[in-house]
Protein backbone atom coordinates (compact mmCIF):
# COMPACT_ATOMS: atom_id res chain seq x y z
CA MET A 1 44.64 127.35 73.64
CA LEU A 2 42.63 130.52 75.01
CA LEU A 3 40.09 131.72 72.62
CA LYS A 4 39.94 135.61 72.83
CA ASN A 5 41.60 135.35 76.23
CA GLN A 6 38.29 133.75 77.70
CA ILE A 7 37.66 130.33 76.63
CA LEU A 8 40.07 127.50 77.30
CA ILE A 9 39.89 124.85 74.55
CA ARG A 10 41.92 121.42 74.68
CA THR A 11 44.12 121.02 71.71
CA ILE A 12 45.16 117.81 70.07
CA HIS A 13 48.32 116.47 71.58
CA GLU A 14 50.93 114.52 70.05
CA PRO A 15 51.13 111.80 68.76
CA PHE A 16 49.32 112.59 66.08
CA CYS A 17 49.20 112.18 62.37
CA TYR A 18 51.41 114.81 60.40
CA ILE A 19 49.06 115.07 57.49
CA CYS A 20 45.54 115.16 59.25
CA MET A 21 46.00 115.24 62.96
CA ASN A 22 44.31 111.89 63.57
CA PRO A 23 45.46 110.56 67.03
CA ILE A 24 47.96 107.77 66.57
CA GLY A 25 50.40 105.54 68.40
CA SER A 26 53.65 106.78 69.90
CA ASP A 27 55.55 104.84 67.13
CA GLU A 28 53.67 106.06 64.28
CA THR A 29 53.87 109.12 62.07
CA CYS A 30 50.82 108.76 59.99
CA CYS A 31 47.29 107.28 60.26
CA ASP A 32 46.11 104.53 59.02
CA SER A 33 43.38 106.56 56.83
CA CYS A 34 46.16 108.55 55.55
CA LEU A 35 48.35 105.36 54.72
CA ASN A 36 45.54 103.39 53.19
CA GLN A 37 43.93 105.50 50.63
CA PRO A 38 40.29 104.81 49.14
CA ASN A 39 40.22 103.11 45.82
CA ASN A 40 39.77 106.06 43.76
CA VAL A 41 42.21 108.25 45.56
CA LYS A 42 45.66 108.47 43.95
CA GLU A 43 46.94 111.32 45.80
CA TRP A 44 45.54 113.64 48.66
CA TYR A 45 46.49 116.78 46.80
CA PHE A 46 46.38 118.87 49.90
CA ASN A 47 49.35 119.26 52.30
CA ARG A 48 48.28 119.57 55.81
CA ILE A 49 44.99 119.62 58.05
CA ILE A 50 45.48 121.57 61.48
CA SER A 51 42.39 121.35 63.55
CA LEU A 52 41.63 123.42 66.69
CA GLY A 53 40.66 120.17 68.70
CA ILE A 54 38.69 116.69 68.83
CA TYR A 55 35.35 116.95 67.79
CA LYS A 56 32.70 114.25 68.84
CA THR A 57 29.29 113.95 70.10
CA TYR A 58 27.41 110.81 71.71
CA GLU A 59 23.64 109.61 71.43
CA SER A 60 21.95 110.00 74.51
CA GLU A 61 18.46 108.36 74.69
CA ASN A 62 15.43 110.91 74.80
CA TYR A 63 18.03 113.81 74.48
CA ASN A 64 19.84 115.51 71.70
CA ASN A 65 23.49 114.32 71.14
CA LEU A 66 25.99 115.28 73.85
CA PRO A 67 29.17 117.21 72.95
CA LEU A 68 32.49 115.82 74.19
CA ASN A 69 34.21 118.99 74.97
CA ILE A 70 34.00 122.68 74.45
CA ILE A 71 35.41 122.84 71.07
CA SER A 72 32.46 120.35 69.96
CA LYS A 73 30.01 122.50 71.98
CA LEU A 74 31.32 125.58 69.72
CA ILE A 75 30.82 123.64 66.63
CA LEU A 76 27.23 122.44 67.53
CA LEU A 77 26.35 126.02 68.43
CA LEU A 78 27.44 127.41 65.16
CA LYS A 79 25.67 124.44 63.29
CA GLY A 80 22.68 124.63 65.24
CA LYS A 81 19.36 126.12 64.32
CA VAL A 82 19.40 129.09 67.09
CA LYS A 83 20.84 132.34 65.61
CA LYS A 84 21.56 133.87 68.77
CA ASN A 85 25.26 134.70 69.49
CA LYS A 86 26.51 132.49 66.33
CA LYS A 87 28.64 135.69 65.17
CA LYS A 88 30.20 136.01 68.81
CA VAL A 89 30.76 132.02 68.69
CA ALA A 90 32.16 132.47 65.27
CA ASP A 91 34.54 135.20 66.40
CA PHE A 92 36.08 132.77 69.17
CA ILE A 93 36.80 130.13 66.44
CA ALA A 94 38.30 132.76 64.23
CA ASP A 95 40.58 133.68 66.92
CA GLY A 96 41.63 130.15 67.17
CA PHE A 97 42.27 129.97 63.76
CA PHE A 98 44.51 133.10 63.97
CA GLN A 99 46.46 131.42 66.67
CA LEU A 100 47.01 128.47 64.52
CA LEU A 101 48.28 130.78 61.59
CA ARG A 102 50.74 132.55 63.81
CA GLU A 103 51.86 129.20 65.06
CA PHE A 104 52.16 127.56 61.53
CA PRO A 105 52.64 130.70 59.27
CA PHE A 106 53.37 128.45 56.21
CA LEU A 107 49.61 127.53 55.93
CA PHE A 108 48.80 130.91 54.55
CA PRO A 109 51.60 133.12 53.27
CA ASP A 110 50.57 136.73 52.37
CA ASN A 111 48.84 137.16 49.01
CA SER A 112 47.19 133.61 49.18
CA PHE A 113 43.58 132.31 48.16
CA ILE A 114 40.98 131.18 50.82
CA LEU A 115 37.82 129.47 50.70
CA ILE A 116 34.99 127.53 52.63
CA PRO A 117 33.56 124.33 51.22
CA PRO A 118 30.14 125.13 49.37
CA LYS A 119 26.85 123.59 50.47
CA ASN A 120 24.82 121.39 48.34
CA ASP A 121 22.14 123.96 47.71
CA PRO A 122 23.73 127.43 47.20
CA SER A 123 20.65 129.28 48.73
CA GLU A 124 21.39 127.40 52.11
CA LYS A 125 23.08 129.24 54.69
CA ASN A 126 26.63 128.05 55.24
CA GLN A 127 27.52 128.40 58.77
CA CYS A 128 31.43 128.32 58.08
CA SER A 129 30.66 131.80 56.62
CA HIS A 130 30.46 133.26 59.82
CA VAL A 131 33.82 132.29 60.90
CA LEU A 132 35.14 133.01 57.33
CA ASN A 133 33.77 136.58 57.95
CA SER A 134 35.64 137.09 61.07
CA PHE A 135 38.54 135.45 60.14
CA LEU A 136 38.85 137.66 56.82
CA ARG A 137 38.32 140.89 59.11
CA LYS A 138 41.56 139.67 61.47
CA LEU A 139 43.32 139.20 58.41
CA LYS A 140 42.58 142.62 57.12
CA THR A 141 43.45 144.14 60.41
CA GLU A 142 46.83 142.30 60.43
CA GLY A 143 47.53 143.72 56.78
CA TYR A 144 47.46 140.20 54.90
CA SER A 145 46.60 140.45 51.28
CA TYR A 146 44.24 137.59 50.41
CA THR A 147 41.57 136.51 47.63
CA ASP A 148 38.49 134.90 48.73
CA LEU A 149 37.32 132.12 46.45
CA SER A 150 34.18 131.07 48.32
CA SER A 151 31.70 132.38 45.91
CA LYS A 152 33.49 130.87 42.85
CA ILE A 153 33.61 127.16 43.96
CA SER A 154 30.33 125.41 43.83
CA ARG A 155 28.75 121.71 43.91
CA LEU A 156 27.58 120.02 40.84
CA ARG A 157 25.21 117.54 42.45
CA ASP A 158 23.88 116.74 45.76
CA ILE A 159 25.79 114.00 47.12
CA GLY A 160 23.11 113.58 50.29
CA LYS A 161 23.95 112.72 53.78
CA ASN A 162 27.21 110.95 54.61
CA ARG A 163 26.21 109.67 57.96
CA ASP A 164 25.42 106.18 56.98
CA LYS A 165 28.08 105.76 54.08
CA ASN A 166 31.41 103.90 54.61
CA ARG A 167 34.55 105.55 53.66
CA ASP A 168 34.68 104.40 49.98
CA GLU A 169 31.20 105.28 49.49
CA ARG A 170 31.98 108.76 50.74
CA PHE A 171 34.81 109.19 48.34
CA ARG A 172 33.08 107.48 45.45
CA ASP A 173 30.14 109.89 45.73
CA ILE A 174 32.07 113.01 46.08
CA GLU A 175 34.56 112.54 43.32
CA ARG A 176 34.43 115.58 40.77
CA VAL A 177 31.52 117.10 42.79
CA HIS A 178 33.44 120.41 43.33
CA LYS A 179 33.92 122.82 40.48
CA LEU A 180 35.87 126.50 40.61
CA GLU A 181 35.30 128.87 37.98
CA GLU A 182 37.87 129.23 35.23
CA ILE A 183 40.88 130.88 37.07
CA ASP A 184 44.70 130.55 37.11
CA LEU A 185 45.49 130.12 40.68
CA GLU A 186 49.08 130.89 39.79
CA ASN A 187 50.71 128.16 42.10
CA LYS A 188 49.83 130.13 44.93
CA THR A 189 48.76 128.55 48.47
CA VAL A 190 45.23 128.04 49.20
CA LEU A 191 43.71 128.01 52.81
CA ILE A 192 40.43 125.81 53.34
CA LEU A 193 38.48 126.71 56.25
CA ASP A 194 36.14 123.97 57.37
CA ASP A 195 34.02 122.92 60.32
CA VAL A 196 34.85 119.07 61.04
CA VAL A 197 37.19 116.74 59.34
CA THR A 198 36.03 113.13 59.31
CA SER A 199 37.02 111.03 56.33
CA LYS A 200 38.76 113.97 54.37
CA ALA A 201 36.76 113.15 51.59
CA THR A 202 35.32 117.03 51.15
CA ALA A 203 39.09 118.30 51.35
CA TRP A 204 40.29 115.63 48.85
CA ASP A 205 38.03 116.69 45.97
CA ILE A 206 38.01 120.49 46.63
CA SER A 207 41.78 120.08 46.68
CA ARG A 208 41.78 117.92 43.45
CA GLU A 209 39.80 120.64 41.57
CA LEU A 210 42.10 123.41 43.12
CA LYS A 211 45.14 121.61 41.80
CA GLU A 212 43.56 121.18 38.44
CA LYS A 213 43.31 125.16 38.46
CA ASN A 214 47.15 125.44 39.14
CA ALA A 215 46.96 125.46 42.88
CA GLY A 216 50.16 125.60 44.80
CA GLU A 217 50.26 124.21 48.33
CA ILE A 218 47.01 123.53 49.67
CA ASN A 219 46.04 123.52 53.53
CA ILE A 220 43.08 122.96 55.60
CA LEU A 221 42.26 124.79 58.95
CA SER A 222 39.32 122.93 60.70
CA MET A 223 37.53 123.64 63.69
CA GLY A 224 37.30 119.86 64.75
CA ARG A 225 38.97 116.67 64.00
CA ALA A 226 36.37 113.92 64.08
CA LEU A 227 37.30 111.66 67.01
CA LEU A 228 37.85 108.26 64.91
CA SER A 229 39.37 106.10 67.47
CA SER A 230 36.55 107.04 70.07
CA THR A 231 35.32 103.89 72.16
CA GLY A 232 31.69 105.38 71.56
CA VAL A 233 31.37 105.65 75.29
CA MET A 234 31.41 109.25 76.47
CA GLU A 235 32.55 108.25 80.04
CA GLN A 236 35.57 106.84 78.74
CA ASP A 237 36.60 109.49 76.10
CA ILE A 238 36.21 112.59 78.36
CA PRO A 239 38.95 114.30 80.11
CA ASN A 240 39.04 113.82 83.87
CA ASP A 241 40.91 117.23 84.56
CA MET A 242 38.66 119.97 83.63
CA GLU A 243 38.38 123.19 86.08
CA PHE A 244 35.54 124.86 87.30
CA ASP A 245 35.62 127.63 84.69
CA GLU A 246 35.79 125.29 81.74
CA LEU A 247 32.87 123.17 82.99
CA LEU A 248 31.00 126.00 83.61
CA ILE A 249 31.48 127.26 80.01
CA TYR A 250 30.70 124.06 78.68
CA PHE A 251 27.27 123.52 80.70
CA SER A 252 26.38 127.01 80.14
CA ASN A 253 26.92 127.14 76.23
CA LEU A 254 29.18 130.15 76.66
CA ASP A 255 26.74 131.98 78.42
CA CYS A 256 28.93 132.60 81.72
CA ILE A 257 31.11 134.57 79.30
CA ILE A 258 28.74 136.10 76.45
CA GLU A 259 25.69 136.65 78.97
CA GLU A 260 27.56 137.47 82.01
CA ASP A 261 25.18 140.37 82.69
CA LYS A 262 22.19 138.37 82.60
CA ILE A 263 23.59 135.72 84.91
CA ARG A 264 24.64 138.11 87.32
CA LYS A 265 21.13 139.81 87.71
CA VAL A 266 19.75 136.46 88.78
CA SER A 267 19.12 136.64 92.56
CA ILE A 268 19.27 133.39 94.87
CA ASN A 269 16.48 133.96 97.24
CA SER A 270 16.99 130.48 99.02
CA TYR A 271 19.73 127.90 99.26
CA SER A 272 19.96 124.57 100.84
CA ARG A 273 22.51 121.72 100.91
CA THR A 274 22.59 118.12 101.74
CA HIS A 275 24.88 115.14 101.06
CA GLU A 276 22.46 114.11 98.53
CA LYS A 277 20.60 117.62 97.14
CA ILE A 278 21.13 120.95 96.59
CA ASP A 279 17.79 122.98 96.43
CA CYS A 280 17.69 126.55 95.31
CA LEU A 281 15.15 129.31 94.75
CA THR A 282 15.87 132.09 92.41
CA ASN A 283 13.77 135.18 91.98
CA GLU A 284 11.36 133.33 89.90
CA TYR A 285 12.13 129.45 89.82
CA LEU A 286 13.03 126.34 91.81
CA ILE A 287 15.98 124.27 91.17
CA GLU A 288 16.79 120.85 92.41
CA LEU A 289 19.99 119.07 91.97
CA ASN A 290 19.92 115.48 93.12
CA PHE A 291 23.05 113.96 93.28
CA GLN A 292 21.85 110.34 94.41
CA ASN A 293 19.15 110.07 91.68
CA MET A 294 21.37 112.14 89.35
CA THR A 295 18.63 114.51 88.22
CA VAL A 296 18.54 118.28 87.60
CA LYS A 297 14.95 119.38 87.96
CA HIS A 298 14.01 123.26 86.71
CA TYR A 299 11.28 125.09 84.66
CA CYS A 300 12.08 128.20 83.22
CA ARG A 301 11.13 128.74 79.66
CA ASP A 302 14.74 128.81 78.26
CA PHE A 303 15.44 125.51 80.13
CA GLN A 304 12.04 123.93 78.66
CA GLN A 305 12.70 124.82 75.42
CA ARG A 306 16.04 123.82 74.41
CA ARG A 307 18.29 123.38 77.42
CA TYR A 308 17.06 120.45 79.13
CA LEU A 309 17.30 118.55 75.39
CA ASN A 310 21.09 119.46 75.24
CA LYS A 311 21.72 118.86 79.18
CA SER A 312 22.81 122.25 79.33
CA PHE A 313 22.40 125.20 81.82
CA CYS A 314 20.08 127.93 81.77
CA LYS A 315 21.28 131.51 83.42
CA HIS A 316 19.60 130.28 86.75
CA ILE A 317 21.46 127.02 87.03
CA THR A 318 24.54 128.64 85.79
CA LYS A 319 24.01 131.34 88.53
CA LEU A 320 23.37 128.49 91.13
CA PHE A 321 26.83 126.96 90.63
CA LEU A 322 28.64 130.25 90.92
CA GLU A 323 26.63 130.62 94.41
CA ILE A 324 27.63 127.09 95.15
CA LYS A 325 31.23 128.16 94.50
CA ASP A 326 30.90 131.29 96.56
CA ARG A 327 29.21 129.40 99.51
CA GLU A 328 31.03 125.89 99.55
CA GLY A 329 34.36 126.61 98.02
CA GLU A 330 35.88 126.06 94.43
CA VAL A 331 36.91 122.58 95.00
CA PHE A 332 33.25 121.39 96.17
CA ALA A 333 31.76 122.94 93.34
CA LEU A 334 34.11 121.65 90.83
CA ASN A 335 33.62 118.12 92.26
CA ARG A 336 29.69 118.45 92.19
CA LEU A 337 29.97 119.77 88.25
CA ASN A 338 32.64 117.25 87.43
CA PHE A 339 30.47 114.37 88.78
CA ILE A 340 27.52 115.65 86.20
CA TYR A 341 29.93 115.74 83.50
CA GLN A 342 31.61 112.47 83.83
CA LYS A 343 28.03 110.71 84.25
CA LEU A 344 26.45 113.06 81.78
CA HIS A 345 24.94 110.26 79.74
CA GLU A 346 23.09 108.85 82.77
CA TRP A 347 21.84 112.23 84.21
CA ASP A 348 18.41 113.51 83.67
CA PHE A 349 17.28 116.95 83.13
CA ILE A 350 13.89 117.35 83.98
CA CYS A 351 11.40 120.15 83.24
CA GLU A 352 9.06 120.50 86.51
């Protein structure tokens, strides 16, 4: 799928669970987590979960968690503390949601309800609101009629962090947490926009509350479906057929798309390549790529402050790979980028 005709993301391919899109075997129609419900779940209440792609991150010693793919990167950018470009990231995700809506029109008939899951603390910024606002603008432009229920649903108590809870604990803790204002939903469809679907506990309890308010069909659009069947080893999970533009978008945190002018202004003053290394001097900074030692060395302010911790590229390193493509050809540049990506957990990004 192309988001806004610019960013290619890998959608989830069949076979997947017809309820929640969890990857399954070729001889299955439904995943174990949907068939074997937790003890306190009598029914799921919702009808379908459709996700833009697989979401997964991996722990990396001395670094932040590493995202599996571009959709995982988009979600982390949206959820992160850095405010820059969040609305642009949300626009890309909302465009993906709208493409899914066109592919599956039953998800959101005209004159339906829509909402995003509430936070534990109502005063806390809900990052899904960026996507919701962009999505609602698209709906309005296309002539959809809808009612936004996001401000009318809340959590009655704080359930804490889910990270260390098992499945049954997640469902037990969230049961009857969500409360919708007294309203008759008149058997109309409700669409929930969410960031990541993992255990389905949040979707289940919100749907339970919506059904008690006379909701009709309930569907969920999520940015990512957590990869439950992961090996836990990034090298074994990542795709091995990424293209040059995909990898550059991934490593640059979308900068090669949304900060194109800044990258264009970076000058490459010197460039040298051996079998093991590529060295470069931009208009201000040195860059060293060592493919034998698996290190990236650089020291601009942006790289020092946050990029190296995420093993991502600043505008200078992004420009260097564009230079490599121009000088050595796309096949060579792709090979070098892919070598970093395939072994990313082993590479060191060093500020010096």
